[in-house]
Amino acid sequence: MQSSSGKGQFDATVASNRQVGERFYKLRLVFSGHGAAAFAKFEPGQFAQIDVSSAALPPNDRIPTELMNTARRDILLRRPFSFADVTRDGDKTSAELLYRVVGPATLRMTTLSNGNLVNIIGPLGKGFSISQGKKTALLVIGGMGAPPILHLARVLTAEHHNIEVEAFAGAKTAKELPFEGRLDEISRQLGFSIPEFAECGIKSQVATDDGSAGHEGVVTELLERWLDIKPGLSPDEAIIYACGPEAMLAKVAEIARERDIDCQVSMERLMACGIGVCQSCAVECQVEGSNETVYKLCCEDGPVFDSGQVVFQL
């Protein structure tokens, strides 16, 4: 079932589902037919609503203790996810979904295996836009804000060779960085701290609150430090893209405003439907040229917004 806008309801086949961290998994889905055509146009920052209600629970010994009481709760609603990568190969499109086990739905996702079918609605929402004339793109990640930024990084390096890209990622601890591979000293010295960005030739820096990896502090400190040592950077030729906790996004927006740099942020809200019916994902936005605000829907008007429009809820 597909709409004239390209979005629709499709079945995808699980190609792989592997653990890449203490609670992190990478799920690769393959679309064919109309689904392949629709998701080949999936933009970084868009999302899809995924039905995991029929997925099985893992054995009890694989259920984290803190989830035991809620693990068997029925999954009634679809869950929204952005993809970390989307590639077209002939008549098929594959999409990589990076997720963290945090509740009964993602716990069930860990049992999906090769050949399983997953029903998906998408592509949904508005993704990141790449403006003409930009020469520097700064990518800022907080925790599980990684997937849409990783997808954007791959598109930037594959299709926009004139743009210099730098990435900054932060989390509370090293174990909460949603990346695969070791963040070793050698790679840090070379400026390629995060393997997924290194694959794209992008230099990256890491911050953790406890100092267990990279800079001890918050990721926005790395962003400010990088901007401070780039006195020749033209604000008109730079853009910041960010996804993560709202407090981090608010600070990124403040940095962008103070330095007169364009900035786009991917917001997160609870989404019951993902298509604008339930009105549960409101984002307060400033009306340009006035002190008034209006509410826009994260699922339709976003999840990507111009940071200067958003009234952050802190």
C-alpha atoms as a PDB file:
ATOM      1  CA  MET A   1       0.000   0.000   0.000  1.00  0.00           C
ATOM      2  CA  GLN A   2       1.638   3.235  -1.178  1.00  0.00           C
ATOM      3  CA  SER A   3       0.441   6.837  -1.313  1.00  0.00           C
ATOM      4  CA  SER A   4       1.022   9.288  -4.129  1.00  0.00           C
ATOM      5  CA  SER A   5       3.652  11.019  -1.950  1.00  0.00           C
ATOM      6  CA  GLY A   6       5.777   7.867  -1.948  1.00  0.00           C
ATOM      7  CA  LYS A   7       5.213   6.903   1.672  1.00  0.00           C
ATOM      8  CA  GLY A   8       3.268   3.777   2.439  1.00  0.00           C
ATOM      9  CA  GLN A   9       3.049   0.539   4.357  1.00  0.00           C
ATOM     10  CA  PHE A  10       5.566  -2.095   3.317  1.00  0.00           C
ATOM     11  CA  ASP A  11       7.043  -5.380   4.438  1.00  0.00           C
ATOM     12  CA  ALA A  12      10.820  -5.563   4.817  1.00  0.00           C
ATOM     13  CA  THR A  13      12.899  -8.713   5.207  1.00  0.00           C
ATOM     14  CA  VAL A  14      15.443  -8.996   7.990  1.00  0.00           C
ATOM     15  CA  ALA A  15      18.900  -9.601   6.495  1.00  0.00           C
ATOM     16  CA  SER A  16      20.840  -9.502   9.770  1.00  0.00           C
ATOM     17  CA  ASN A  17      20.488  -8.447  13.400  1.00  0.00           C
ATOM     18  CA  ARG A  18      23.709  -8.357  15.364  1.00  0.00           C
ATOM     19  CA  GLN A  19      24.812  -7.027  18.717  1.00  0.00           C
ATOM     20  CA  VAL A  20      27.483  -4.308  18.515  1.00  0.00           C
ATOM     21  CA  GLY A  21      27.608  -3.132  22.135  1.00  0.00           C
ATOM     22  CA  GLU A  22      26.330  -3.906  25.594  1.00  0.00           C
ATOM     23  CA  ARG A  23      22.787  -2.990  24.561  1.00  0.00           C
ATOM     24  CA  PHE A  24      23.284  -1.820  20.996  1.00  0.00           C
ATOM     25  CA  TYR A  25      22.205  -3.733  17.884  1.00  0.00           C
ATOM     26  CA  LYS A  26      22.347  -3.187  14.151  1.00  0.00           C
ATOM     27  CA  LEU A  27      19.333  -4.460  12.240  1.00  0.00           C
ATOM     28  CA  ARG A  28      19.600  -4.614   8.446  1.00  0.00           C
ATOM     29  CA  LEU A  29      16.326  -4.629   6.517  1.00  0.00           C
ATOM     30  CA  VAL A  30      15.814  -5.246   2.809  1.00  0.00           C
ATOM     31  CA  PHE A  31      12.926  -3.779   0.803  1.00  0.00           C
ATOM     32  CA  SER A  32      11.827  -4.997  -2.610  1.00  0.00           C
ATOM     33  CA  GLY A  33       9.160  -3.907  -5.111  1.00  0.00           C
ATOM     34  CA  HIS A  34       7.359  -0.660  -4.239  1.00  0.00           C
ATOM     35  CA  GLY A  35       9.093  -0.606  -0.852  1.00  0.00           C
ATOM     36  CA  ALA A  36      12.507  -0.542  -2.528  1.00  0.00           C
ATOM     37  CA  ALA A  37      11.500   2.456  -4.645  1.00  0.00           C
ATOM     38  CA  ALA A  38       9.973   4.318  -1.684  1.00  0.00           C
ATOM     39  CA  PHE A  39      12.851   3.794   0.738  1.00  0.00           C
ATOM     40  CA  ALA A  40      15.521   4.506  -1.874  1.00  0.00           C
ATOM     41  CA  LYS A  41      14.339   8.107  -1.496  1.00  0.00           C
ATOM     42  CA  PHE A  42      14.630   8.015   2.303  1.00  0.00           C
ATOM     43  CA  GLU A  43      16.364  11.240   3.406  1.00  0.00           C
ATOM     44  CA  PRO A  44      18.726  11.499   6.390  1.00  0.00           C
ATOM     45  CA  GLY A  45      16.627  12.569   9.352  1.00  0.00           C
ATOM     46  CA  GLN A  46      13.364  11.065   8.141  1.00  0.00           C
ATOM     47  CA  PHE A  47      11.909   8.178  10.118  1.00  0.00           C
ATOM     48  CA  ALA A  48       9.758   5.068   9.800  1.00  0.00           C
ATOM     49  CA  GLN A  49       7.146   3.523  12.092  1.00  0.00           C
ATOM     50  CA  ILE A  50       7.979  -0.122  12.745  1.00  0.00           C
ATOM     51  CA  ASP A  51       5.604  -2.836  13.965  1.00  0.00           C
ATOM     52  CA  VAL A  52       7.326  -5.236  16.375  1.00  0.00           C
ATOM     53  CA  SER A  53       4.153  -6.522  18.067  1.00  0.00           C
ATOM     54  CA  SER A  54       4.585 -10.032  16.681  1.00  0.00           C
ATOM     55  CA  ALA A  55       8.281 -10.383  17.569  1.00  0.00           C
ATOM     56  CA  ALA A  56       9.066 -12.903  20.310  1.00  0.00           C
ATOM     57  CA  LEU A  57      10.634 -12.185  23.671  1.00  0.00           C
ATOM     58  CA  PRO A  58      14.171 -13.469  24.250  1.00  0.00           C
ATOM     59  CA  PRO A  59      14.785 -16.159  26.906  1.00  0.00           C
ATOM     60  CA  ASN A  60      14.591 -14.959  30.503  1.00  0.00           C
ATOM     61  CA  ASP A  61      18.362 -15.105  30.942  1.00  0.00           C
ATOM     62  CA  ARG A  62      18.723 -12.506  28.173  1.00  0.00           C
ATOM     63  CA  ILE A  63      16.237 -10.036  29.657  1.00  0.00           C
ATOM     64  CA  PRO A  64      17.920  -7.253  31.673  1.00  0.00           C
ATOM     65  CA  THR A  65      16.800  -7.368  35.308  1.00  0.00           C
ATOM     66  CA  GLU A  66      15.302  -3.870  35.223  1.00  0.00           C
ATOM     67  CA  LEU A  67      13.084  -4.826  32.275  1.00  0.00           C
ATOM     68  CA  MET A  68      11.697  -8.060  33.746  1.00  0.00           C
ATOM     69  CA  ASN A  69       8.550  -6.397  35.116  1.00  0.00           C
ATOM     70  CA  THR A  70       7.622  -4.738  31.817  1.00  0.00           C
ATOM     71  CA  ALA A  71       9.097  -7.177  29.271  1.00  0.00           C
ATOM     72  CA  ARG A  72       5.844  -9.030  28.717  1.00  0.00           C
ATOM     73  CA  ARG A  73       3.787  -5.904  28.211  1.00  0.00           C
ATOM     74  CA  ASP A  74       1.829  -6.018  24.948  1.00  0.00           C
ATOM     75  CA  ILE A  75       3.251  -3.862  22.160  1.00  0.00           C
ATOM     76  CA  LEU A  76       0.246  -2.012  20.729  1.00  0.00           C
ATOM     77  CA  LEU A  77       1.872   0.910  18.923  1.00  0.00           C
ATOM     78  CA  ARG A  78       4.542   1.090  16.263  1.00  0.00           C
ATOM     79  CA  ARG A  79       7.900   2.548  17.198  1.00  0.00           C
ATOM     80  CA  PRO A  80       9.623   5.393  15.296  1.00  0.00           C
ATOM     81  CA  PHE A  81      13.207   4.885  14.080  1.00  0.00           C
ATOM     82  CA  SER A  82      15.578   6.777  11.826  1.00  0.00           C
ATOM     83  CA  PHE A  83      18.007   4.792   9.691  1.00  0.00           C
ATOM     84  CA  ALA A  84      21.795   4.981   9.940  1.00  0.00           C
ATOM     85  CA  ASP A  85      22.278   4.027   6.292  1.00  0.00           C
ATOM     86  CA  VAL A  86      20.152   3.446   3.200  1.00  0.00           C
ATOM     87  CA  THR A  87      21.537   1.940  -0.015  1.00  0.00           C
ATOM     88  CA  ARG A  88      19.957   0.937  -3.315  1.00  0.00           C
ATOM     89  CA  ASP A  89      21.284  -2.171  -5.062  1.00  0.00           C
ATOM     90  CA  GLY A  90      19.465  -3.042  -8.261  1.00  0.00           C
ATOM     91  CA  ASP A  91      15.819  -3.746  -7.491  1.00  0.00           C
ATOM     92  CA  LYS A  92      16.321  -3.827  -3.715  1.00  0.00           C
ATOM     93  CA  THR A  93      16.952  -1.205  -1.033  1.00  0.00           C
ATOM     94  CA  SER A  94      18.639  -2.035   2.263  1.00  0.00           C
ATOM     95  CA  ALA A  95      18.382   0.052   5.409  1.00  0.00           C
ATOM     96  CA  GLU A  96      20.479  -0.188   8.562  1.00  0.00           C
ATOM     97  CA  LEU A  97      18.720   0.456  11.854  1.00  0.00           C
ATOM     98  CA  LEU A  98      20.847   1.127  14.940  1.00  0.00           C
ATOM     99  CA  TYR A  99      18.890   0.630  18.162  1.00  0.00           C
ATOM    100  CA  ARG A 100      19.399   0.314  21.888  1.00  0.00           C
ATOM    101  CA  VAL A 101      17.449  -2.011  24.169  1.00  0.00           C
ATOM    102  CA  VAL A 102      15.497   0.262  26.511  1.00  0.00           C
ATOM    103  CA  GLY A 103      12.046  -1.331  26.790  1.00  0.00           C
ATOM    104  CA  PRO A 104       9.774  -4.205  25.785  1.00  0.00           C
ATOM    105  CA  ALA A 105       9.627  -3.239  22.095  1.00  0.00           C
ATOM    106  CA  THR A 106      13.381  -2.990  21.511  1.00  0.00           C
ATOM    107  CA  LEU A 107      13.844  -6.108  23.651  1.00  0.00           C
ATOM    108  CA  ARG A 108      11.641  -8.002  21.198  1.00  0.00           C
ATOM    109  CA  MET A 109      13.595  -6.582  18.277  1.00  0.00           C
ATOM    110  CA  THR A 110      16.671  -8.483  19.444  1.00  0.00           C
ATOM    111  CA  THR A 111      14.952 -11.764  18.494  1.00  0.00           C
ATOM    112  CA  LEU A 112      14.364 -10.774  14.853  1.00  0.00           C
ATOM    113  CA  SER A 113      16.467 -12.990  12.603  1.00  0.00           C
ATOM    114  CA  ASN A 114      17.362 -13.542   8.967  1.00  0.00           C
ATOM    115  CA  GLY A 115      14.244 -14.004   6.841  1.00  0.00           C
ATOM    116  CA  ASN A 116      11.718 -12.532   9.285  1.00  0.00           C
ATOM    117  CA  LEU A 117       9.256  -9.996   7.864  1.00  0.00           C
ATOM    118  CA  VAL A 118       8.763  -6.604   9.517  1.00  0.00           C
ATOM    119  CA  ASN A 119       5.906  -4.273   8.611  1.00  0.00           C
ATOM    120  CA  ILE A 120       6.980  -0.640   8.227  1.00  0.00           C
ATOM    121  CA  ILE A 121       5.249   2.661   7.455  1.00  0.00           C
ATOM    122  CA  GLY A 122       7.428   5.311   5.799  1.00  0.00           C
ATOM    123  CA  PRO A 123       9.349   7.266   4.762  1.00  0.00           C
ATOM    124  CA  LEU A 124       7.887   9.829   7.166  1.00  0.00           C
ATOM    125  CA  GLY A 125       8.650  13.374   8.230  1.00  0.00           C
ATOM    126  CA  LYS A 126      11.085  16.009   7.024  1.00  0.00           C
ATOM    127  CA  GLY A 127      14.793  15.265   6.994  1.00  0.00           C
ATOM    128  CA  PHE A 128      17.950  17.358   6.939  1.00  0.00           C
ATOM    129  CA  SER A 129      18.409  19.738   4.011  1.00  0.00           C
ATOM    130  CA  ILE A 130      21.793  20.435   2.445  1.00  0.00           C
ATOM    131  CA  SER A 131      21.990  24.069   1.440  1.00  0.00           C
ATOM    132  CA  GLN A 132      23.908  25.307  -1.564  1.00  0.00           C
ATOM    133  CA  GLY A 133      27.076  27.259  -0.864  1.00  0.00           C
ATOM    134  CA  LYS A 134      27.984  25.496   2.369  1.00  0.00           C
ATOM    135  CA  LYS A 135      31.634  24.472   2.659  1.00  0.00           C
ATOM    136  CA  THR A 136      31.714  23.153   6.238  1.00  0.00           C
ATOM    137  CA  ALA A 137      29.253  20.786   7.930  1.00  0.00           C
ATOM    138  CA  LEU A 138      29.568  20.120  11.657  1.00  0.00           C
ATOM    139  CA  LEU A 139      27.778  17.010  12.895  1.00  0.00           C
ATOM    140  CA  VAL A 140      26.871  16.829  16.597  1.00  0.00           C
ATOM    141  CA  ILE A 141      25.592  13.642  18.251  1.00  0.00           C
ATOM    142  CA  GLY A 142      24.320  13.030  21.745  1.00  0.00           C
ATOM    143  CA  GLY A 143      23.874   9.361  22.693  1.00  0.00           C
ATOM    144  CA  MET A 144      21.307   7.633  20.510  1.00  0.00           C
ATOM    145  CA  GLY A 145      21.083  10.666  18.233  1.00  0.00           C
ATOM    146  CA  ALA A 146      23.616   8.830  16.086  1.00  0.00           C
ATOM    147  CA  PRO A 147      21.511   7.124  13.344  1.00  0.00           C
ATOM    148  CA  PRO A 148      20.274  10.123  11.313  1.00  0.00           C
ATOM    149  CA  ILE A 149      23.645  11.870  11.656  1.00  0.00           C
ATOM    150  CA  LEU A 150      25.511   8.761  10.440  1.00  0.00           C
ATOM    151  CA  HIS A 151      23.169   8.589   7.453  1.00  0.00           C
ATOM    152  CA  LEU A 152      23.722  12.284   6.757  1.00  0.00           C
ATOM    153  CA  ALA A 153      27.504  11.821   6.971  1.00  0.00           C
ATOM    154  CA  ARG A 154      27.386   9.107   4.327  1.00  0.00           C
ATOM    155  CA  VAL A 155      25.276  11.243   2.000  1.00  0.00           C
ATOM    156  CA  LEU A 156      27.501  14.302   2.471  1.00  0.00           C
ATOM    157  CA  THR A 157      30.703  12.436   1.681  1.00  0.00           C
ATOM    158  CA  ALA A 158      29.215  10.491  -1.219  1.00  0.00           C
ATOM    159  CA  GLU A 159      27.351  13.321  -2.950  1.00  0.00           C
ATOM    160  CA  HIS A 160      28.853  16.629  -1.759  1.00  0.00           C
ATOM    161  CA  HIS A 161      32.621  16.378  -2.159  1.00  0.00           C
ATOM    162  CA  ASN A 162      33.123  20.155  -1.767  1.00  0.00           C
ATOM    163  CA  ILE A 163      31.935  20.129   1.866  1.00  0.00           C
ATOM    164  CA  GLU A 164      34.395  19.588   4.734  1.00  0.00           C
ATOM    165  CA  VAL A 165      32.748  17.464   7.413  1.00  0.00           C
ATOM    166  CA  GLU A 166      33.687  17.212  11.095  1.00  0.00           C
ATOM    167  CA  ALA A 167      31.847  15.091  13.661  1.00  0.00           C
ATOM    168  CA  PHE A 168      31.462  15.334  17.439  1.00  0.00           C
ATOM    169  CA  ALA A 169      29.792  12.663  19.579  1.00  0.00           C
ATOM    170  CA  GLY A 170      29.028  12.563  23.282  1.00  0.00           C
ATOM    171  CA  ALA A 171      27.517  10.263  25.886  1.00  0.00           C
ATOM    172  CA  LYS A 172      27.556   9.799  29.641  1.00  0.00           C
ATOM    173  CA  THR A 173      30.091   6.950  29.476  1.00  0.00           C
ATOM    174  CA  ALA A 174      32.082   5.049  26.853  1.00  0.00           C
ATOM    175  CA  LYS A 175      29.615   2.145  27.111  1.00  0.00           C
ATOM    176  CA  GLU A 176      26.797   4.455  26.031  1.00  0.00           C
ATOM    177  CA  LEU A 177      28.475   5.510  22.793  1.00  0.00           C
ATOM    178  CA  PRO A 178      26.454   3.704  20.099  1.00  0.00           C
ATOM    179  CA  PHE A 179      29.366   2.885  17.823  1.00  0.00           C
ATOM    180  CA  GLU A 180      31.055  -0.298  16.711  1.00  0.00           C
ATOM    181  CA  GLY A 181      34.744  -0.902  17.258  1.00  0.00           C
ATOM    182  CA  ARG A 182      37.352   0.403  19.688  1.00  0.00           C
ATOM    183  CA  LEU A 183      37.886   4.100  20.298  1.00  0.00           C
ATOM    184  CA  ASP A 184      41.622   3.504  20.691  1.00  0.00           C
ATOM    185  CA  GLU A 185      44.464   5.951  21.296  1.00  0.00           C
ATOM    186  CA  ILE A 186      45.966   5.556  17.820  1.00  0.00           C
ATOM    187  CA  SER A 187      42.753   6.471  16.047  1.00  0.00           C
ATOM    188  CA  ARG A 188      42.256   9.448  18.374  1.00  0.00           C
ATOM    189  CA  GLN A 189      45.709  10.765  17.541  1.00  0.00           C
ATOM    190  CA  LEU A 190      44.887  10.570  13.851  1.00  0.00           C
ATOM    191  CA  GLY A 191      41.580  12.359  14.396  1.00  0.00           C
ATOM    192  CA  PHE A 192      39.457   9.360  13.384  1.00  0.00           C
ATOM    193  CA  SER A 193      38.017   8.468  16.789  1.00  0.00           C
ATOM    194  CA  ILE A 194      34.768   6.878  15.602  1.00  0.00           C
ATOM    195  CA  PRO A 195      35.069   3.949  13.143  1.00  0.00           C
ATOM    196  CA  GLU A 196      31.776   4.674  11.365  1.00  0.00           C
ATOM    197  CA  PHE A 197      32.915   8.198  10.523  1.00  0.00           C
ATOM    198  CA  ALA A 198      36.430   7.030   9.664  1.00  0.00           C
ATOM    199  CA  GLU A 199      34.903   4.808   6.964  1.00  0.00           C
ATOM    200  CA  CYS A 200      33.671   8.016   5.324  1.00  0.00           C
ATOM    201  CA  GLY A 201      36.989   9.821   5.777  1.00  0.00           C
ATOM    202  CA  ILE A 202      35.481  12.105   8.410  1.00  0.00           C
ATOM    203  CA  LYS A 203      37.499  13.238  11.414  1.00  0.00           C
ATOM    204  CA  SER A 204      35.640  12.937  14.690  1.00  0.00           C
ATOM    205  CA  GLN A 205      35.975  13.694  18.377  1.00  0.00           C
ATOM    206  CA  VAL A 206      34.394  12.029  21.391  1.00  0.00           C
ATOM    207  CA  ALA A 207      33.283  13.392  24.761  1.00  0.00           C
ATOM    208  CA  THR A 208      32.021  11.489  27.788  1.00  0.00           C
ATOM    209  CA  ASP A 209      30.721  12.954  31.018  1.00  0.00           C
ATOM    210  CA  ASP A 210      32.963  10.688  33.113  1.00  0.00           C
ATOM    211  CA  GLY A 211      36.031  10.875  30.871  1.00  0.00           C
ATOM    212  CA  SER A 212      35.953   7.138  30.087  1.00  0.00           C
ATOM    213  CA  ALA A 213      36.486   7.958  26.397  1.00  0.00           C
ATOM    214  CA  GLY A 214      37.845  11.089  24.765  1.00  0.00           C
ATOM    215  CA  HIS A 215      37.254  14.521  26.288  1.00  0.00           C
ATOM    216  CA  GLU A 216      35.898  14.598  29.829  1.00  0.00           C
ATOM    217  CA  GLY A 217      32.851  16.821  29.575  1.00  0.00           C
ATOM    218  CA  VAL A 218      29.949  17.448  27.250  1.00  0.00           C
ATOM    219  CA  VAL A 219      30.060  17.258  23.478  1.00  0.00           C
ATOM    220  CA  THR A 220      29.145  20.920  22.982  1.00  0.00           C
ATOM    221  CA  GLU A 221      32.469  21.850  24.589  1.00  0.00           C
ATOM    222  CA  LEU A 222      34.214  20.056  21.727  1.00  0.00           C
ATOM    223  CA  LEU A 223      32.104  21.959  19.203  1.00  0.00           C
ATOM    224  CA  GLU A 224      32.941  25.314  20.790  1.00  0.00           C
ATOM    225  CA  ARG A 225      36.622  24.451  21.020  1.00  0.00           C
ATOM    226  CA  TRP A 226      36.733  23.488  17.335  1.00  0.00           C
ATOM    227  CA  LEU A 227      35.000  26.723  16.335  1.00  0.00           C
ATOM    228  CA  ASP A 228      37.391  28.766  18.502  1.00  0.00           C
ATOM    229  CA  ILE A 229      40.428  27.501  16.584  1.00  0.00           C
ATOM    230  CA  LYS A 230      38.834  28.227  13.204  1.00  0.00           C
ATOM    231  CA  PRO A 231      38.967  32.047  13.085  1.00  0.00           C
ATOM    232  CA  GLY A 232      38.800  32.061   9.301  1.00  0.00           C
ATOM    233  CA  LEU A 233      35.545  30.102   9.201  1.00  0.00           C
ATOM    234  CA  SER A 234      32.835  32.042   7.381  1.00  0.00           C
ATOM    235  CA  PRO A 235      29.483  31.631   9.195  1.00  0.00           C
ATOM    236  CA  ASP A 236      27.627  31.900   5.896  1.00  0.00           C
ATOM    237  CA  GLU A 237      29.528  28.897   4.543  1.00  0.00           C
ATOM    238  CA  ALA A 238      29.031  26.661   7.597  1.00  0.00           C
ATOM    239  CA  ILE A 239      26.109  24.651   8.926  1.00  0.00           C
ATOM    240  CA  ILE A 240      25.566  22.582  12.065  1.00  0.00           C
ATOM    241  CA  TYR A 241      23.464  19.413  12.139  1.00  0.00           C
ATOM    242  CA  ALA A 242      22.555  17.911  15.523  1.00  0.00           C
ATOM    243  CA  CYS A 243      20.562  15.087  17.053  1.00  0.00           C
ATOM    244  CA  GLY A 244      20.426  14.076  20.707  1.00  0.00           C
ATOM    245  CA  PRO A 245      18.887  15.035  24.058  1.00  0.00           C
ATOM    246  CA  GLU A 246      16.950  18.291  24.096  1.00  0.00           C
ATOM    247  CA  ALA A 247      19.316  19.987  26.547  1.00  0.00           C
ATOM    248  CA  MET A 248      22.204  19.304  24.157  1.00  0.00           C
ATOM    249  CA  LEU A 249      20.207  20.578  21.193  1.00  0.00           C
ATOM    250  CA  ALA A 250      19.371  23.763  23.090  1.00  0.00           C
ATOM    251  CA  LYS A 251      23.061  24.395  23.752  1.00  0.00           C
ATOM    252  CA  VAL A 252      23.967  23.675  20.116  1.00  0.00           C
ATOM    253  CA  ALA A 253      21.263  26.128  19.024  1.00  0.00           C
ATOM    254  CA  GLU A 254      22.684  28.751  21.390  1.00  0.00           C
ATOM    255  CA  ILE A 255      26.199  28.271  19.991  1.00  0.00           C
ATOM    256  CA  ALA A 256      24.871  28.532  16.439  1.00  0.00           C
ATOM    257  CA  ARG A 257      22.900  31.688  17.251  1.00  0.00           C
ATOM    258  CA  GLU A 258      25.839  33.400  18.954  1.00  0.00           C
ATOM    259  CA  ARG A 259      28.116  32.654  16.005  1.00  0.00           C
ATOM    260  CA  ASP A 260      25.484  33.302  13.326  1.00  0.00           C
ATOM    261  CA  ILE A 261      25.771  29.784  11.877  1.00  0.00           C
ATOM    262  CA  ASP A 262      22.826  27.960  10.304  1.00  0.00           C
ATOM    263  CA  CYS A 263      21.740  24.997  12.379  1.00  0.00           C
ATOM    264  CA  GLN A 264      19.281  22.154  11.935  1.00  0.00           C
ATOM    265  CA  VAL A 265      18.229  19.926  14.836  1.00  0.00           C
ATOM    266  CA  SER A 266      16.413  16.600  14.829  1.00  0.00           C
ATOM    267  CA  MET A 267      13.846  16.633  17.633  1.00  0.00           C
ATOM    268  CA  GLU A 268      12.471  13.672  19.541  1.00  0.00           C
ATOM    269  CA  ARG A 269       8.911  13.336  20.760  1.00  0.00           C
ATOM    270  CA  LEU A 270       6.610  10.457  21.668  1.00  0.00           C
ATOM    271  CA  MET A 271       4.864   9.459  18.453  1.00  0.00           C
ATOM    272  CA  ALA A 272       1.782   7.290  18.669  1.00  0.00           C
ATOM    273  CA  CYS A 273       0.894   7.341  14.964  1.00  0.00           C
ATOM    274  CA  GLY A 274       3.695   9.120  13.092  1.00  0.00           C
ATOM    275  CA  ILE A 275       1.328  10.583  10.508  1.00  0.00           C
ATOM    276  CA  GLY A 276      -0.163  13.637  12.233  1.00  0.00           C
ATOM    277  CA  VAL A 277      -3.431  12.120  13.460  1.00  0.00           C
ATOM    278  CA  CYS A 278      -2.869  11.747  17.196  1.00  0.00           C
ATOM    279  CA  GLN A 279      -1.287  15.203  17.729  1.00  0.00           C
ATOM    280  CA  SER A 280       0.921  13.780  20.506  1.00  0.00           C
ATOM    281  CA  CYS A 281       4.284  15.044  19.210  1.00  0.00           C
ATOM    282  CA  ALA A 282       3.908  18.825  19.398  1.00  0.00           C
ATOM    283  CA  VAL A 283       7.001  21.037  19.227  1.00  0.00           C
ATOM    284  CA  GLU A 284       6.670  24.670  20.308  1.00  0.00           C
ATOM    285  CA  CYS A 285       8.108  26.997  17.668  1.00  0.00           C
ATOM    286  CA  GLN A 286       8.692  30.725  17.488  1.00  0.00           C
ATOM    287  CA  VAL A 287       6.685  32.702  14.940  1.00  0.00           C
ATOM    288  CA  GLU A 288       9.195  34.611  12.845  1.00  0.00           C
ATOM    289  CA  GLY A 289       9.141  38.349  13.531  1.00  0.00           C
ATOM    290  CA  SER A 290       6.967  38.154  16.663  1.00  0.00           C
ATOM    291  CA  ASN A 291       6.928  37.024  20.289  1.00  0.00           C
ATOM    292  CA  GLU A 292       4.179  34.513  19.589  1.00  0.00           C
ATOM    293  CA  THR A 293       4.659  30.783  19.371  1.00  0.00           C
ATOM    294  CA  VAL A 294       2.811  28.009  17.580  1.00  0.00           C
ATOM    295  CA  TYR A 295       2.872  24.246  17.930  1.00  0.00           C
ATOM    296  CA  LYS A 296       4.092  22.134  15.041  1.00  0.00           C
ATOM    297  CA  LEU A 297       4.083  18.369  14.752  1.00  0.00           C
ATOM    298  CA  CYS A 298       7.384  16.563  15.052  1.00  0.00           C
ATOM    299  CA  CYS A 299       6.127  13.778  12.766  1.00  0.00           C
ATOM    300  CA  GLU A 300       5.040  16.029   9.885  1.00  0.00           C
ATOM    301  CA  ASP A 301       6.770  19.410  10.227  1.00  0.00           C
ATOM    302  CA  GLY A 302       9.892  17.691  11.580  1.00  0.00           C
ATOM    303  CA  PRO A 303      11.564  15.819  13.074  1.00  0.00           C
ATOM    304  CA  VAL A 304      14.204  18.170  11.625  1.00  0.00           C
ATOM    305  CA  PHE A 305      13.690  21.870  12.422  1.00  0.00           C
ATOM    306  CA  ASP A 306      15.692  25.037  12.017  1.00  0.00           C
ATOM    307  CA  SER A 307      17.176  25.469  15.502  1.00  0.00           C
ATOM    308  CA  GLY A 308      16.216  29.146  15.580  1.00  0.00           C
ATOM    309  CA  GLN A 309      12.531  28.237  15.437  1.00  0.00           C
ATOM    310  CA  VAL A 310      12.402  25.791  18.339  1.00  0.00           C
ATOM    311  CA  VAL A 311      11.405  26.756  21.871  1.00  0.00           C
ATOM    312  CA  PHE A 312      13.320  24.111  23.796  1.00  0.00           C
ATOM    313  CA  GLN A 313      11.654  22.472  26.788  1.00  0.00           C
ATOM    314  CA  LEU A 314      14.327  22.414  29.511  1.00  0.00           C
END
